[in-house]
Structures are given as structure tokens and as C-alpha cells.
């Protein structure tokens, strides 16, 4: 995952004029077309701090992978069906 830290602080989204045009054409006697705009302001210090934090995490937690691989190979890795079912149910409840 790549995060671009040098993005502009203000982002303007494009305006969908198709839906607005249909609305304006159906209302007789209204004023000229109006335009919706949305602007997002970002705090560059927060973005930089979060980017730095994310970049410090390894892509793969190799220590976890190695310990699980060893447990599966030695036959000591066992899945608790009850805990697995509870986790699935819990994830669906959110």
C-alpha cells in the first residue's frame, strides 16, 4: 500500500450536473441552475503523522507467520470451533 504524503490540502470533487439539470428543467419559474460543491480540508500534520506511522508497520508480520507455520507443521495447531463460530457471529453483529 502506498500513501502519498504530498497531496494537496484541499480536494474538490467533481459535480454531477446530470441530476441537477433534470431537476431544473422540471421546475418552471425557478431561478437559474444552482451548483453543489464539496471541499475537504486536511490537516497536513495529522496526515504526515499517520503516514509515518503506517509506513513503520511491516507488510507481513513474519514472526506470526513463522510461529503458525511451525505449529501447523508439528501438528500442534488446533482450531477451536466454538471460538471460531463466536468470532463469525460477532463480526456479523456489527
C-alpha atoms as a PDB file:
ATOM      1  CA  UNK A   1       0.000   0.000   0.000  1.00  0.00           C
ATOM      2  CA  UNK A   2       1.411   3.378  -0.976  1.00  0.00           C
ATOM      3  CA  UNK A   3       0.295   6.576   0.717  1.00  0.00           C
ATOM      4  CA  UNK A   4       1.141   9.840  -0.991  1.00  0.00           C
ATOM      5  CA  UNK A   5       2.148  12.341   1.688  1.00  0.00           C
ATOM      6  CA  UNK A   6       2.411  15.318  -0.662  1.00  0.00           C
ATOM      7  CA  UNK A   7      -1.231  15.546  -1.662  1.00  0.00           C
ATOM      8  CA  UNK A   8      -2.815  18.993  -1.883  1.00  0.00           C
ATOM      9  CA  UNK A   9      -4.522  20.187   1.315  1.00  0.00           C
ATOM     10  CA  UNK A  10      -7.820  20.967  -0.448  1.00  0.00           C
ATOM     11  CA  UNK A  11      -9.624  18.476  -2.656  1.00  0.00           C
ATOM     12  CA  UNK A  12     -12.589  19.440  -4.806  1.00  0.00           C
ATOM     13  CA  UNK A  13     -14.863  16.671  -6.019  1.00  0.00           C
ATOM     14  CA  UNK A  14     -16.455  16.860  -9.473  1.00  0.00           C
ATOM     15  CA  UNK A  15     -20.094  17.903  -9.575  1.00  0.00           C
ATOM     16  CA  UNK A  16     -22.656  15.620 -11.227  1.00  0.00           C
ATOM     17  CA  UNK A  17     -24.649  18.109 -13.269  1.00  0.00           C
ATOM     18  CA  UNK A  18     -26.895  15.484 -14.917  1.00  0.00           C
ATOM     19  CA  UNK A  19     -29.265  15.010 -11.977  1.00  0.00           C
ATOM     20  CA  UNK A  20     -29.371  18.762 -11.255  1.00  0.00           C
ATOM     21  CA  UNK A  21     -30.233  19.566 -14.881  1.00  0.00           C
ATOM     22  CA  UNK A  22     -33.252  17.220 -14.797  1.00  0.00           C
ATOM     23  CA  UNK A  23     -34.438  18.877 -11.596  1.00  0.00           C
ATOM     24  CA  UNK A  24     -34.052  22.388 -13.041  1.00  0.00           C
ATOM     25  CA  UNK A  25     -35.859  21.512 -16.276  1.00  0.00           C
ATOM     26  CA  UNK A  26     -38.835  20.079 -14.395  1.00  0.00           C
ATOM     27  CA  UNK A  27     -39.394  23.153 -12.207  1.00  0.00           C
ATOM     28  CA  UNK A  28     -40.843  26.054 -14.163  1.00  0.00           C
ATOM     29  CA  UNK A  29     -40.275  29.565 -12.865  1.00  0.00           C
ATOM     30  CA  UNK A  30     -37.316  28.767 -10.631  1.00  0.00           C
ATOM     31  CA  UNK A  31     -34.096  30.726 -10.630  1.00  0.00           C
ATOM     32  CA  UNK A  32     -31.036  29.665 -12.633  1.00  0.00           C
ATOM     33  CA  UNK A  33     -29.233  26.394 -12.010  1.00  0.00           C
ATOM     34  CA  UNK A  34     -27.521  26.004  -8.662  1.00  0.00           C
ATOM     35  CA  UNK A  35     -24.272  24.147  -8.198  1.00  0.00           C
ATOM     36  CA  UNK A  36     -23.386  21.858  -5.302  1.00  0.00           C
ATOM     37  CA  UNK A  37     -19.788  21.899  -4.130  1.00  0.00           C
ATOM     38  CA  UNK A  38     -17.926  19.928  -1.522  1.00  0.00           C
ATOM     39  CA  UNK A  39     -14.489  20.803  -0.218  1.00  0.00           C
ATOM     40  CA  UNK A  40     -12.374  18.732   2.141  1.00  0.00           C
ATOM     41  CA  UNK A  41      -9.639  20.363   4.186  1.00  0.00           C
ATOM     42  CA  UNK A  42      -6.922  18.172   5.617  1.00  0.00           C
ATOM     43  CA  UNK A  43      -4.576  18.864   8.460  1.00  0.00           C
ATOM     44  CA  UNK A  44      -1.227  18.127   6.822  1.00  0.00           C
ATOM     45  CA  UNK A  45       0.487  17.464  10.164  1.00  0.00           C
ATOM     46  CA  UNK A  46      -2.057  14.772  11.019  1.00  0.00           C
ATOM     47  CA  UNK A  47      -1.773  13.226   7.576  1.00  0.00           C
ATOM     48  CA  UNK A  48       2.007  13.176   7.786  1.00  0.00           C
ATOM     49  CA  UNK A  49       1.945  11.628  11.269  1.00  0.00           C
ATOM     50  CA  UNK A  50      -0.475   8.902  10.203  1.00  0.00           C
ATOM     51  CA  UNK A  51       1.520   8.240   7.035  1.00  0.00           C
ATOM     52  CA  UNK A  52       4.704   7.885   9.035  1.00  0.00           C
ATOM     53  CA  UNK A  53       3.018   5.547  11.497  1.00  0.00           C
ATOM     54  CA  UNK A  54       1.573   3.370   8.714  1.00  0.00           C
ATOM     55  CA  UNK A  55       4.907   3.154   6.920  1.00  0.00           C
ATOM     56  CA  UNK A  56       6.597   1.847  10.094  1.00  0.00           C
ATOM     57  CA  UNK A  57       4.423  -1.275  10.167  1.00  0.00           C
ATOM     58  CA  UNK A  58       5.848  -4.252   8.273  1.00  0.00           C
ATOM     59  CA  UNK A  59       3.915  -5.581   5.270  1.00  0.00           C
ATOM     60  CA  UNK A  60       3.934  -9.094   6.761  1.00  0.00           C
ATOM     61  CA  UNK A  61       4.239  -9.949  10.436  1.00  0.00           C
ATOM     62  CA  UNK A  62       6.866 -12.579   9.739  1.00  0.00           C
ATOM     63  CA  UNK A  63       7.161 -13.659  13.384  1.00  0.00           C
ATOM     64  CA  UNK A  64       3.451 -14.617  13.405  1.00  0.00           C
ATOM     65  CA  UNK A  65       3.724 -16.397  10.063  1.00  0.00           C
ATOM     66  CA  UNK A  66       6.747 -18.391  11.215  1.00  0.00           C
ATOM     67  CA  UNK A  67       5.178 -19.458  14.530  1.00  0.00           C
ATOM     68  CA  UNK A  68       1.928 -20.514  12.823  1.00  0.00           C
ATOM     69  CA  UNK A  69       3.846 -22.406  10.127  1.00  0.00           C
ATOM     70  CA  UNK A  70       5.803 -24.263  12.796  1.00  0.00           C
ATOM     71  CA  UNK A  71       2.637 -25.112  14.779  1.00  0.00           C
ATOM     72  CA  UNK A  72       0.878 -26.458  11.662  1.00  0.00           C
ATOM     73  CA  UNK A  73       3.939 -28.480  10.614  1.00  0.00           C
ATOM     74  CA  UNK A  74       4.362 -30.032  14.064  1.00  0.00           C
ATOM     75  CA  UNK A  75       0.641 -30.786  14.426  1.00  0.00           C
ATOM     76  CA  UNK A  76       0.217 -28.611  17.499  1.00  0.00           C
ATOM     77  CA  UNK A  77      -2.035 -26.026  15.826  1.00  0.00           C
ATOM     78  CA  UNK A  78      -5.662 -26.715  16.671  1.00  0.00           C
ATOM     79  CA  UNK A  79      -8.665 -24.615  15.767  1.00  0.00           C
ATOM     80  CA  UNK A  80     -11.272 -24.086  18.476  1.00  0.00           C
ATOM     81  CA  UNK A  81     -14.573 -24.434  16.581  1.00  0.00           C
ATOM     82  CA  UNK A  82     -16.577 -22.679  19.292  1.00  0.00           C
ATOM     83  CA  UNK A  83     -14.315 -19.618  19.329  1.00  0.00           C
ATOM     84  CA  UNK A  84     -14.316 -19.527  15.525  1.00  0.00           C
ATOM     85  CA  UNK A  85     -18.130 -19.628  15.412  1.00  0.00           C
ATOM     86  CA  UNK A  86     -18.381 -16.937  18.093  1.00  0.00           C
ATOM     87  CA  UNK A  87     -15.990 -14.691  16.139  1.00  0.00           C
ATOM     88  CA  UNK A  88     -18.041 -15.147  12.943  1.00  0.00           C
ATOM     89  CA  UNK A  89     -21.292 -14.328  14.760  1.00  0.00           C
ATOM     90  CA  UNK A  90     -19.678 -11.332  16.483  1.00  0.00           C
ATOM     91  CA  UNK A  91     -18.370  -9.966  13.158  1.00  0.00           C
ATOM     92  CA  UNK A  92     -21.853 -10.192  11.606  1.00  0.00           C
ATOM     93  CA  UNK A  93     -23.467  -8.366  14.546  1.00  0.00           C
ATOM     94  CA  UNK A  94     -21.540  -5.165  13.850  1.00  0.00           C
END
